[in-house]
Amino acid sequence: MSYPIKKITIEDALFPSSLKNIKNPPQELYYCGKILPTENCLAIVGARLCSKYGQECSLEIGSALSMAGLTIVAGLARGIDYYAHLSALKNKKRTIAVLGTAIDNIYPKENLKLAQEILKNEGLIISEYAPGTITAKYCFVERNRLIAGLSLGVLVIEAREKSGSLITANYAKEQNKKIFAVPNNIHSPLSRGCHNLIKNGANLIENANDVLGLLGFNNLPNSPKNGKPYADCNPEEIKILEILSENPLNIEAIIRTTGWPANKITSLLSILEIKNKIIDLGDKTYCLVRN
């Protein structure tokens, strides 16, 4: 990391106020980037070996929540955490990564580039472990209380029955924070953690507005009004949105379906991304932003 690592203590005025009153609060934090004493945050956590469905949910819901003004908090891990951070970065919004390692020992290494993008976008990377600290397994468990502590609530997207994400949800429960969970295929092992949370009182979430409503925020600023979800789109843009209404598609499939030239499709997709109507899931595969 080429960014300077700074230190802040619990007595400092800039120390995040949301962490001061949790059980076993950190007495000091090490950080890179921009630290704000107060902001509205939502944690998104889940399976490291996530499915395509989990990836899509993270990007769709995270993107919409970031556009609504919430700062996305996650643990810079593989899988759901990665896509949660990416959902904010795609909209050039701030996101916070809470590490279970010292900042000079980013883990996993393949997310070092993601960490740098977070900082370039005025985000924040924090850890309670001093530079040079040797990482132990319990460190990742301990940091989960900080992920929950920084946030108004925790959204779990895909989790096995004994997932580390459930530890974060338990911390949220201890801290009287709201817990949200996305349902999934009943036959998938990745569903069991979320379904158990829902059975035990977590809020079932299908879209970003479900989260915003339960947190007491207004619906998304670009939510459909008067039954006209495509009011700000021209007929060609509407055609693309209708094609994507059922399932995500890659650009080659969109070209085949419309019969339009590749350069025209590329231009339309770029415009729809700017309008926050669609998200690139990677490999030029697109899906709708579902409000």
Protein backbone atom coordinates (compact mmCIF):
# COMPACT_ATOMS: atom_id res chain seq x y z
CA MET A 1 0.00 0.00 0.00
CA SER A 2 1.42 3.37 -1.01
CA TYR A 3 -0.95 5.29 1.26
CA PRO A 4 0.17 6.45 4.72
CA ILE A 5 -1.19 4.45 7.67
CA LYS A 6 -2.58 6.74 10.38
CA LYS A 7 -3.59 6.05 13.98
CA ILE A 8 -6.59 7.32 15.90
CA THR A 9 -7.63 6.62 19.51
CA ILE A 10 -11.05 6.39 21.11
CA GLU A 11 -10.50 9.77 22.80
CA ASP A 12 -10.03 11.48 19.45
CA ALA A 13 -12.91 13.63 18.19
CA LEU A 14 -12.72 11.97 14.77
CA PHE A 15 -13.05 8.44 16.17
CA PRO A 16 -16.21 6.85 14.67
CA SER A 17 -18.97 7.57 17.18
CA SER A 18 -20.81 4.36 16.25
CA LEU A 19 -17.90 2.29 17.63
CA LYS A 20 -17.54 4.05 20.96
CA ASN A 21 -20.51 2.37 22.64
CA ILE A 22 -20.26 -1.21 21.37
CA LYS A 23 -19.18 -4.02 23.67
CA ASN A 24 -15.38 -4.23 23.79
CA PRO A 25 -14.80 -1.12 21.64
CA PRO A 26 -11.40 -0.77 19.99
CA GLN A 27 -9.19 1.63 21.89
CA GLU A 28 -7.31 2.57 18.75
CA LEU A 29 -7.71 2.18 15.02
CA TYR A 30 -5.23 2.24 12.17
CA TYR A 31 -6.50 3.52 8.88
CA CYS A 32 -5.84 4.69 5.35
CA GLY A 33 -8.13 7.09 3.57
CA LYS A 34 -10.83 9.40 4.79
CA ILE A 35 -12.34 8.83 8.23
CA LEU A 36 -15.65 10.45 9.15
CA PRO A 37 -16.91 10.60 12.74
CA THR A 38 -20.54 10.06 11.66
CA GLU A 39 -22.12 8.62 8.50
CA ASN A 40 -24.95 6.27 7.58
CA CYS A 41 -23.48 2.84 6.84
CA LEU A 42 -24.90 -0.55 5.87
CA ALA A 43 -22.84 -3.73 6.13
CA ILE A 44 -23.06 -6.35 3.39
CA VAL A 45 -21.48 -9.73 4.15
CA GLY A 46 -21.79 -13.29 2.91
CA ALA A 47 -20.17 -16.35 1.43
CA ARG A 48 -16.63 -16.19 0.12
CA LEU A 49 -17.40 -18.93 -2.41
CA CYS A 50 -20.58 -17.24 -3.57
CA SER A 51 -22.77 -18.16 -6.52
CA LYS A 52 -23.62 -16.04 -9.56
CA TYR A 53 -26.93 -15.30 -7.84
CA GLY A 54 -25.11 -13.98 -4.76
CA GLN A 55 -22.84 -11.88 -6.94
CA GLU A 56 -25.83 -10.36 -8.74
CA CYS A 57 -27.65 -9.63 -5.47
CA SER A 58 -24.60 -7.93 -3.97
CA LEU A 59 -24.10 -5.72 -6.99
CA GLU A 60 -27.77 -4.87 -7.52
CA ILE A 61 -28.73 -4.17 -3.92
CA GLY A 62 -25.39 -2.65 -2.94
CA SER A 63 -25.39 -0.35 -5.95
CA ALA A 64 -28.90 0.91 -5.21
CA LEU A 65 -28.14 1.45 -1.52
CA SER A 66 -24.97 3.38 -2.31
CA MET A 67 -26.92 5.57 -4.75
CA ALA A 68 -29.44 6.22 -1.96
CA GLY A 69 -26.66 7.63 0.21
CA LEU A 70 -25.59 4.71 2.40
CA THR A 71 -21.91 3.88 2.78
CA ILE A 72 -21.32 0.18 2.13
CA VAL A 73 -19.22 -1.59 4.78
CA ALA A 74 -17.64 -5.02 4.22
CA GLY A 75 -14.54 -6.99 5.12
CA LEU A 76 -12.51 -6.92 1.86
CA ALA A 77 -12.88 -10.71 1.69
CA ARG A 78 -13.44 -12.83 -1.39
CA GLY A 79 -16.97 -13.34 -2.67
CA ILE A 80 -19.88 -11.28 -1.37
CA ASP A 81 -17.62 -8.75 0.40
CA TYR A 82 -15.72 -8.13 -2.83
CA TYR A 83 -18.89 -7.46 -4.83
CA ALA A 84 -20.34 -5.33 -2.04
CA HIS A 85 -17.35 -2.98 -2.22
CA LEU A 86 -17.47 -3.09 -6.01
CA SER A 87 -21.16 -2.11 -6.04
CA ALA A 88 -20.25 1.22 -4.44
CA LEU A 89 -17.13 1.79 -6.52
CA LYS A 90 -19.07 1.28 -9.76
CA ASN A 91 -21.16 4.29 -8.75
CA LYS A 92 -18.10 6.23 -7.58
CA LYS A 93 -19.44 6.07 -4.03
CA ARG A 94 -17.58 5.73 -0.75
CA THR A 95 -17.13 2.30 0.82
CA ILE A 96 -15.38 1.10 4.00
CA ALA A 97 -13.24 -2.04 4.31
CA VAL A 98 -12.72 -3.41 7.83
CA LEU A 99 -9.72 -5.73 7.95
CA GLY A 100 -8.99 -8.77 10.08
CA THR A 101 -5.31 -8.14 9.45
CA ALA A 102 -2.98 -5.21 9.84
CA ILE A 103 -3.22 -2.74 6.95
CA ASP A 104 0.34 -3.53 5.87
CA ASN A 105 -0.73 -7.14 5.35
CA ILE A 106 -3.83 -6.97 3.11
CA TYR A 107 -5.62 -10.33 2.86
CA PRO A 108 -6.41 -11.83 0.46
CA LYS A 109 -3.60 -10.50 -1.70
CA GLU A 110 -5.73 -10.49 -4.85
CA ASN A 111 -7.90 -7.78 -3.28
CA LEU A 112 -5.00 -5.34 -2.94
CA LYS A 113 -6.10 -3.62 -6.16
CA LEU A 114 -9.64 -3.34 -4.76
CA ALA A 115 -8.23 -1.74 -1.60
CA GLN A 116 -6.38 0.81 -3.69
CA GLU A 117 -9.56 1.62 -5.64
CA ILE A 118 -11.42 2.15 -2.36
CA LEU A 119 -8.84 4.72 -1.30
CA LYS A 120 -8.79 6.43 -4.69
CA ASN A 121 -12.54 6.91 -4.30
CA GLU A 122 -12.26 8.67 -0.90
CA GLY A 123 -13.14 5.48 0.94
CA LEU A 124 -11.67 4.06 4.11
CA ILE A 125 -9.66 1.00 5.13
CA ILE A 126 -9.44 0.39 8.87
CA SER A 127 -8.02 -2.18 11.29
CA GLU A 128 -7.60 -2.38 15.04
CA TYR A 129 -4.29 -4.20 14.52
CA ALA A 130 -1.06 -2.24 14.43
CA PRO A 131 1.23 -2.55 11.42
CA GLY A 132 3.41 -5.63 11.76
CA THR A 133 0.82 -7.58 13.79
CA ILE A 134 0.83 -11.31 12.99
CA THR A 135 -2.64 -12.39 11.90
CA ALA A 136 -4.49 -15.11 13.84
CA LYS A 137 -7.84 -16.72 13.00
CA TYR A 138 -9.59 -15.00 15.91
CA CYS A 139 -8.70 -11.62 14.38
CA PHE A 140 -11.26 -12.16 11.61
CA VAL A 141 -13.93 -12.97 14.19
CA GLU A 142 -13.07 -9.91 16.28
CA ARG A 143 -13.22 -7.55 13.33
CA ASN A 144 -16.82 -8.63 12.63
CA ARG A 145 -18.00 -6.67 15.68
CA LEU A 146 -16.53 -3.56 14.03
CA ILE A 147 -18.31 -4.25 10.73
CA ALA A 148 -21.60 -4.46 12.65
CA GLY A 149 -20.67 -1.58 14.94
CA LEU A 150 -20.06 0.87 12.12
CA SER A 151 -23.38 0.05 10.49
CA LEU A 152 -27.08 0.74 10.94
CA GLY A 153 -27.70 -2.88 10.02
CA VAL A 154 -26.16 -5.99 8.49
CA LEU A 155 -27.34 -7.54 5.22
CA VAL A 156 -26.36 -11.19 4.72
CA ILE A 157 -26.29 -12.46 1.14
CA GLU A 158 -25.62 -16.22 0.91
CA ALA A 159 -24.27 -17.98 3.98
CA ARG A 160 -23.73 -21.58 4.91
CA GLU A 161 -25.17 -22.96 8.13
CA LYS A 162 -21.93 -22.25 10.00
CA SER A 163 -20.77 -19.16 8.17
CA GLY A 164 -18.57 -16.39 9.55
CA SER A 165 -21.20 -13.98 8.23
CA LEU A 166 -23.57 -15.25 10.92
CA ILE A 167 -21.05 -14.09 13.54
CA THR A 168 -21.39 -10.58 12.14
CA ALA A 169 -25.18 -10.94 12.30
CA ASN A 170 -24.92 -12.05 15.94
CA TYR A 171 -22.82 -9.00 16.76
CA ALA A 172 -25.49 -6.85 15.08
CA LYS A 173 -28.12 -8.49 17.27
CA GLU A 174 -26.06 -7.79 20.41
CA GLN A 175 -25.73 -4.17 19.32
CA ASN A 176 -29.49 -3.84 18.62
CA LYS A 177 -28.86 -3.31 14.93
CA LYS A 178 -31.21 -4.49 12.20
CA ILE A 179 -30.45 -7.78 10.46
CA PHE A 180 -31.43 -8.39 6.83
CA ALA A 181 -31.14 -11.58 4.80
CA VAL A 182 -31.73 -12.45 1.14
CA PRO A 183 -33.58 -15.75 0.49
CA ASN A 184 -32.26 -18.29 -2.01
CA ASN A 185 -32.81 -21.76 -3.45
CA ILE A 186 -33.98 -24.11 -0.67
CA HIS A 187 -31.72 -26.88 -2.02
CA SER A 188 -28.53 -24.78 -1.90
CA PRO A 189 -26.16 -25.05 1.10
CA LEU A 190 -25.52 -21.34 0.59
CA SER A 191 -29.15 -20.65 1.56
CA ARG A 192 -29.20 -22.25 4.98
CA GLY A 193 -27.54 -19.46 6.94
CA CYS A 194 -29.82 -16.76 5.49
CA HIS A 195 -32.95 -18.90 5.86
CA ASN A 196 -32.12 -19.64 9.49
CA LEU A 197 -31.66 -15.93 10.13
CA ILE A 198 -35.08 -15.23 8.61
CA LYS A 199 -36.69 -18.00 10.68
CA ASN A 200 -35.23 -16.35 13.78
CA GLY A 201 -36.47 -12.87 13.05
CA ALA A 202 -34.17 -11.33 10.43
CA ASN A 203 -35.87 -9.17 7.83
CA LEU A 204 -36.37 -10.89 4.45
CA ILE A 205 -34.98 -8.62 1.75
CA GLU A 206 -35.69 -8.68 -1.99
CA ASN A 207 -34.44 -5.24 -3.01
CA ALA A 208 -32.85 -2.05 -1.78
CA ASN A 209 -36.13 -0.35 -0.96
CA ASP A 210 -36.89 -3.13 1.54
CA VAL A 211 -33.72 -2.17 3.41
CA LEU A 212 -34.30 1.57 3.16
CA GLY A 213 -37.89 1.29 4.39
CA LEU A 214 -36.91 -0.75 7.43
CA LEU A 215 -34.15 1.74 8.26
CA GLY A 216 -36.62 4.61 8.02
CA PHE A 217 -35.16 6.18 4.88
CA ASN A 218 -37.09 7.33 1.85
CA ASN A 219 -37.17 5.06 -1.17
CA LEU A 220 -34.54 5.36 -3.85
CA PRO A 221 -34.50 8.73 -5.60
CA ASN A 222 -34.81 7.06 -9.01
CA SER A 223 -37.57 4.63 -8.00
CA PRO A 224 -40.35 4.21 -10.60
CA LYS A 225 -43.16 6.71 -10.17
CA ASN A 226 -46.68 6.69 -11.54
CA GLY A 227 -46.18 3.25 -13.03
CA LYS A 228 -43.59 4.55 -15.52
CA PRO A 229 -40.27 2.95 -14.60
CA TYR A 230 -38.70 3.92 -17.94
CA ALA A 231 -39.95 7.50 -18.10
CA ASP A 232 -36.45 8.92 -18.61
CA CYS A 233 -35.45 6.41 -21.31
CA ASN A 234 -35.86 6.49 -25.08
CA PRO A 235 -37.44 3.56 -27.00
CA GLU A 236 -34.09 1.91 -27.75
CA GLU A 237 -33.00 2.08 -24.10
CA ILE A 238 -36.38 0.66 -23.04
CA LYS A 239 -35.85 -2.23 -25.46
CA ILE A 240 -32.57 -3.12 -23.74
CA LEU A 241 -34.18 -2.89 -20.28
CA GLU A 242 -37.03 -5.15 -21.35
CA ILE A 243 -34.56 -7.71 -22.69
CA LEU A 244 -32.74 -7.70 -19.33
CA SER A 245 -35.95 -7.82 -17.28
CA GLU A 246 -35.93 -11.61 -16.92
CA ASN A 247 -32.26 -12.54 -16.57
CA PRO A 248 -28.77 -11.02 -16.85
CA LEU A 249 -27.31 -11.32 -20.35
CA ASN A 250 -23.89 -10.79 -21.88
CA ILE A 251 -23.40 -8.29 -24.64
CA GLU A 252 -23.26 -10.94 -27.37
CA ALA A 253 -26.71 -12.22 -26.37
CA ILE A 254 -28.10 -8.67 -26.37
CA ILE A 255 -26.70 -8.08 -29.86
CA ARG A 256 -28.26 -11.34 -31.13
CA THR A 257 -31.62 -10.54 -29.56
CA THR A 258 -31.89 -7.00 -30.91
CA GLY A 259 -30.09 -7.49 -34.21
CA TRP A 260 -28.44 -4.11 -33.65
CA PRO A 261 -24.73 -3.45 -34.36
CA ALA A 262 -22.23 -3.90 -31.56
CA ASN A 263 -21.21 -0.23 -31.39
CA LYS A 264 -24.84 0.82 -30.93
CA ILE A 265 -25.39 -1.71 -28.14
CA THR A 266 -22.17 -0.63 -26.41
CA SER A 267 -23.30 3.00 -26.49
CA LEU A 268 -26.78 2.18 -25.14
CA LEU A 269 -25.36 0.05 -22.33
CA SER A 270 -22.99 2.85 -21.31
CA ILE A 271 -25.87 5.33 -21.15
CA LEU A 272 -28.00 2.95 -19.09
CA GLU A 273 -25.11 2.43 -16.65
CA ILE A 274 -24.79 6.20 -16.23
CA LYS A 275 -28.53 6.39 -15.56
CA ASN A 276 -28.09 3.64 -12.93
CA LYS A 277 -30.56 1.39 -14.74
CA ILE A 278 -28.17 -1.52 -15.24
CA ILE A 279 -24.98 -2.95 -13.71
CA ASP A 280 -22.06 -4.66 -15.41
CA LEU A 281 -21.57 -7.89 -13.46
CA GLY A 282 -18.21 -8.48 -15.13
CA ASP A 283 -17.25 -10.09 -18.45
CA LYS A 284 -19.71 -7.70 -20.13
CA THR A 285 -22.73 -9.37 -18.53
CA TYR A 286 -25.47 -6.93 -17.54
CA CYS A 287 -28.47 -6.97 -15.21
CA LEU A 288 -31.10 -4.49 -14.12
CA VAL A 289 -30.83 -2.37 -11.01
CA ARG A 290 -33.99 -3.53 -9.27
CA ASN A 291 -35.54 -0.97 -6.98
